Amino acid sequence: MTEEQGGITQQHGGITQQHGGITEEQGGITQQHGGITEEQGGIIQRQCRDVQLTAVFICINHKSRVGANGRSPLPVVYPSAKR
């Protein structure tokens, strides 16, 4: 009886190796996902270049409108600062 149980334990070890193979396939999918992230990064860099040029232009006009007290006479509302 004890020797037969030992054989069952070896079969369980084989199942564990198959599970390791599935993990390696998931690793390959993760690398493909990394490629998609790099493409999104390229698109974000293009958008940031246009936004930075616009932001600098707005900041130059904003600084020219600052009053004597150091604050802008016009109320400036930022979407991220509503709360």
N, C-alpha and C. Protein backbone atom coordinates (compact mmCIF):
# COMPACT_ATOMS: atom_id res chain seq x y z
N MET A 1 0.84 -1.20 0.00
CA MET A 1 0.00 0.00 0.00
C MET A 1 0.88 1.26 0.00
N THR A 2 1.91 1.23 0.80
CA THR A 2 2.77 2.42 0.88
C THR A 2 3.49 2.66 -0.44
N GLU A 3 3.92 1.63 -1.12
CA GLU A 3 4.63 1.82 -2.38
C GLU A 3 3.69 2.37 -3.46
N GLU A 4 2.43 1.97 -3.46
CA GLU A 4 1.49 2.50 -4.46
C GLU A 4 1.23 3.99 -4.22
N GLN A 5 1.13 4.40 -2.98
CA GLN A 5 0.95 5.82 -2.70
C GLN A 5 2.16 6.62 -3.17
N GLY A 6 3.34 6.06 -3.06
CA GLY A 6 4.54 6.74 -3.56
C GLY A 6 4.45 6.96 -5.06
N GLY A 7 3.89 6.02 -5.80
CA GLY A 7 3.74 6.21 -7.24
C GLY A 7 2.75 7.33 -7.55
N ILE A 8 1.72 7.47 -6.77
CA ILE A 8 0.75 8.55 -6.99
C ILE A 8 1.42 9.90 -6.78
N THR A 9 2.32 9.98 -5.84
CA THR A 9 3.02 11.24 -5.59
C THR A 9 3.85 11.64 -6.80
N GLN A 10 4.43 10.71 -7.49
CA GLN A 10 5.22 11.04 -8.67
C GLN A 10 4.31 11.56 -9.79
N GLN A 11 3.13 11.05 -9.93
CA GLN A 11 2.22 11.55 -10.96
C GLN A 11 1.82 12.99 -10.64
N HIS A 12 1.63 13.29 -9.39
CA HIS A 12 1.29 14.67 -9.01
C HIS A 12 2.43 15.62 -9.38
N GLY A 13 3.67 15.13 -9.26
CA GLY A 13 4.79 15.96 -9.69
C GLY A 13 4.74 16.26 -11.18
N GLY A 14 4.27 15.33 -11.98
CA GLY A 14 4.15 15.59 -13.41
C GLY A 14 3.10 16.65 -13.70
N ILE A 15 2.03 16.67 -12.95
CA ILE A 15 0.99 17.69 -13.15
C ILE A 15 1.55 19.07 -12.81
N THR A 16 2.40 19.13 -11.81
CA THR A 16 2.99 20.41 -11.44
C THR A 16 3.86 20.96 -12.58
N GLN A 17 4.54 20.10 -13.29
CA GLN A 17 5.37 20.56 -14.40
C GLN A 17 4.49 21.10 -15.53
N GLN A 18 3.36 20.52 -15.77
CA GLN A 18 2.47 21.03 -16.82
C GLN A 18 1.95 22.42 -16.43
N HIS A 19 1.67 22.62 -15.18
CA HIS A 19 1.21 23.93 -14.73
C HIS A 19 2.31 24.98 -14.95
N GLY A 20 3.56 24.56 -14.77
CA GLY A 20 4.66 25.48 -15.05
C GLY A 20 4.69 25.88 -16.52
N GLY A 21 4.33 24.98 -17.42
CA GLY A 21 4.30 25.32 -18.83
C GLY A 21 3.23 26.37 -19.13
N ILE A 22 2.12 26.31 -18.46
CA ILE A 22 1.07 27.31 -18.67
C ILE A 22 1.56 28.68 -18.20
N THR A 23 2.31 28.70 -17.13
CA THR A 23 2.83 29.97 -16.64
C THR A 23 3.77 30.61 -17.66
N GLU A 24 4.56 29.81 -18.35
CA GLU A 24 5.47 30.36 -19.36
C GLU A 24 4.68 30.95 -20.52
N GLU A 25 3.56 30.36 -20.89
CA GLU A 25 2.76 30.93 -21.98
C GLU A 25 2.17 32.27 -21.55
N GLN A 26 1.75 32.39 -20.32
CA GLN A 26 1.25 33.67 -19.84
C GLN A 26 2.36 34.72 -19.86
N GLY A 27 3.59 34.29 -19.59
CA GLY A 27 4.71 35.23 -19.68
C GLY A 27 4.86 35.80 -21.09
N GLY A 28 4.63 34.97 -22.10
CA GLY A 28 4.71 35.47 -23.47
C GLY A 28 3.63 36.50 -23.76
N ILE A 29 2.45 36.29 -23.22
CA ILE A 29 1.37 37.26 -23.42
C ILE A 29 1.72 38.59 -22.75
N THR A 30 2.39 38.52 -21.62
CA THR A 30 2.78 39.75 -20.93
C THR A 30 3.74 40.57 -21.79
N GLN A 31 4.63 39.91 -22.52
CA GLN A 31 5.55 40.64 -23.38
C GLN A 31 4.79 41.33 -24.51
N GLN A 32 3.78 40.70 -25.05
CA GLN A 32 2.99 41.34 -26.10
C GLN A 32 2.26 42.56 -25.54
N HIS A 33 1.78 42.45 -24.32
CA HIS A 33 1.11 43.59 -23.70
C HIS A 33 2.09 44.75 -23.52
N GLY A 34 3.35 44.42 -23.23
CA GLY A 34 4.36 45.48 -23.14
C GLY A 34 4.53 46.22 -24.46
N GLY A 35 4.40 45.51 -25.57
CA GLY A 35 4.50 46.18 -26.86
C GLY A 35 3.36 47.16 -27.08
N ILE A 36 2.18 46.80 -26.62
CA ILE A 36 1.03 47.71 -26.76
C ILE A 36 1.26 48.95 -25.90
N THR A 37 1.85 48.77 -24.74
CA THR A 37 2.11 49.92 -23.87
C THR A 37 3.09 50.89 -24.52
N GLU A 38 4.07 50.37 -25.23
CA GLU A 38 5.03 51.25 -25.89
C GLU A 38 4.34 52.05 -27.00
N GLU A 39 3.40 51.45 -27.71
CA GLU A 39 2.69 52.19 -28.75
C GLU A 39 1.85 53.30 -28.13
N GLN A 40 1.20 53.02 -27.01
CA GLN A 40 0.43 54.06 -26.34
C GLN A 40 1.35 55.18 -25.86
N GLY A 41 2.55 54.81 -25.41
CA GLY A 41 3.49 55.84 -24.97
C GLY A 41 3.87 56.78 -26.11
N GLY A 42 4.02 56.26 -27.32
CA GLY A 42 4.35 57.12 -28.44
C GLY A 42 3.21 58.09 -28.75
N ILE A 43 1.98 57.62 -28.64
CA ILE A 43 0.83 58.50 -28.89
C ILE A 43 0.74 59.58 -27.82
N ILE A 44 1.02 59.20 -26.56
CA ILE A 44 0.94 60.18 -25.48
C ILE A 44 2.02 61.25 -25.65
N GLN A 45 3.19 60.87 -26.11
CA GLN A 45 4.26 61.85 -26.30
C GLN A 45 3.86 62.86 -27.38
N ARG A 46 3.19 62.41 -28.42
CA ARG A 46 2.76 63.35 -29.46
C ARG A 46 1.73 64.33 -28.90
N GLN A 47 0.80 63.83 -28.09
CA GLN A 47 -0.20 64.72 -27.51
C GLN A 47 0.45 65.69 -26.53
N CYS A 48 1.44 65.22 -25.77
CA CYS A 48 2.08 66.09 -24.79
C CYS A 48 2.83 67.24 -25.48
N ARG A 49 3.39 66.99 -26.64
CA ARG A 49 4.11 68.06 -27.32
C ARG A 49 3.15 69.19 -27.71
N ASP A 50 1.97 68.85 -28.20
CA ASP A 50 1.01 69.88 -28.56
C ASP A 50 0.48 70.59 -27.32
N VAL A 51 0.23 69.82 -26.26
CA VAL A 51 -0.32 70.43 -25.05
C VAL A 51 0.71 71.33 -24.38
N GLN A 52 1.97 70.95 -24.39
CA GLN A 52 3.00 71.76 -23.75
C GLN A 52 3.15 73.10 -24.48
N LEU A 53 3.09 73.09 -25.79
CA LEU A 53 3.19 74.35 -26.52
C LEU A 53 2.01 75.26 -26.17
N THR A 54 0.81 74.68 -26.07
CA THR A 54 -0.35 75.48 -25.70
C THR A 54 -0.25 75.97 -24.27
N ALA A 55 0.25 75.13 -23.36
CA ALA A 55 0.34 75.51 -21.96
C ALA A 55 1.35 76.65 -21.77
N VAL A 56 2.46 76.61 -22.48
CA VAL A 56 3.45 77.69 -22.36
C VAL A 56 2.86 78.98 -22.89
N PHE A 57 2.12 78.93 -23.96
CA PHE A 57 1.51 80.14 -24.51
C PHE A 57 0.51 80.73 -23.53
N ILE A 58 -0.26 79.87 -22.87
CA ILE A 58 -1.24 80.36 -21.88
C ILE A 58 -0.51 80.95 -20.68
N CYS A 59 0.57 80.31 -20.24
CA CYS A 59 1.30 80.80 -19.06
C CYS A 59 1.92 82.17 -19.34
N ILE A 60 2.39 82.41 -20.55
CA ILE A 60 2.99 83.71 -20.86
C ILE A 60 1.91 84.79 -20.80
N ASN A 61 0.74 84.52 -21.35
CA ASN A 61 -0.33 85.49 -21.29
C ASN A 61 -0.82 85.67 -19.86
N HIS A 62 -0.82 84.60 -19.08
CA HIS A 62 -1.30 84.68 -17.70
C HIS A 62 -0.36 85.54 -16.85
N LYS A 63 0.95 85.40 -17.07
CA LYS A 63 1.90 86.18 -16.29
C LYS A 63 1.79 87.67 -16.66
N SER A 64 1.46 87.98 -17.89
CA SER A 64 1.36 89.38 -18.28
C SER A 64 0.12 90.04 -17.70
N ARG A 65 -0.85 89.23 -17.23
CA ARG A 65 -2.07 89.79 -16.66
C ARG A 65 -2.05 89.85 -15.14
N VAL A 66 -0.96 89.47 -14.51
CA VAL A 66 -0.91 89.46 -13.05
C VAL A 66 -0.94 90.89 -12.54
N GLY A 67 -1.77 91.13 -11.52
CA GLY A 67 -1.90 92.47 -10.98
C GLY A 67 -0.78 92.80 -10.00
N ALA A 68 -0.92 93.93 -9.31
CA ALA A 68 0.12 94.38 -8.39
C ALA A 68 0.19 93.49 -7.16
N ASN A 69 -0.93 92.86 -6.79
CA ASN A 69 -0.93 92.02 -5.59
C ASN A 69 -0.40 90.62 -5.88
N GLY A 70 0.05 90.34 -7.10
CA GLY A 70 0.59 89.03 -7.42
C GLY A 70 -0.47 88.03 -7.83
N ARG A 71 -1.72 88.42 -7.89
CA ARG A 71 -2.78 87.51 -8.30
C ARG A 71 -3.41 88.01 -9.59
N SER A 72 -3.99 87.09 -10.33
CA SER A 72 -4.61 87.47 -11.59
C SER A 72 -5.94 88.18 -11.32
N PRO A 73 -6.23 89.27 -11.99
CA PRO A 73 -7.53 89.94 -11.79
C PRO A 73 -8.70 89.10 -12.29
N LEU A 74 -8.44 88.14 -13.18
CA LEU A 74 -9.51 87.30 -13.70
C LEU A 74 -9.49 85.97 -12.96
N PRO A 75 -10.64 85.44 -12.58
CA PRO A 75 -10.66 84.14 -11.90
C PRO A 75 -10.29 83.02 -12.88
N VAL A 76 -9.33 82.22 -12.49
CA VAL A 76 -8.87 81.11 -13.32
C VAL A 76 -9.37 79.82 -12.68
N VAL A 77 -10.12 79.02 -13.44
CA VAL A 77 -10.69 77.78 -12.92
C VAL A 77 -9.97 76.63 -13.60
N TYR A 78 -9.36 75.77 -12.81
CA TYR A 78 -8.69 74.58 -13.34
C TYR A 78 -9.58 73.38 -13.09
N PRO A 79 -9.73 72.49 -14.06
CA PRO A 79 -10.61 71.32 -13.88
C PRO A 79 -10.17 70.43 -12.72
N SER A 80 -8.86 70.35 -12.46
CA SER A 80 -8.38 69.46 -11.40
C SER A 80 -8.53 70.09 -10.02
N ALA A 81 -8.86 71.36 -9.93
CA ALA A 81 -8.93 72.04 -8.63
C ALA A 81 -10.35 72.45 -8.28
N LYS A 82 -11.35 71.77 -8.84
CA LYS A 82 -12.73 72.15 -8.54
C LYS A 82 -13.13 71.76 -7.12
N ARG A 83 -12.56 70.62 -6.61
CA ARG A 83 -13.00 70.14 -5.29
C ARG A 83 -12.31 70.92 -4.20
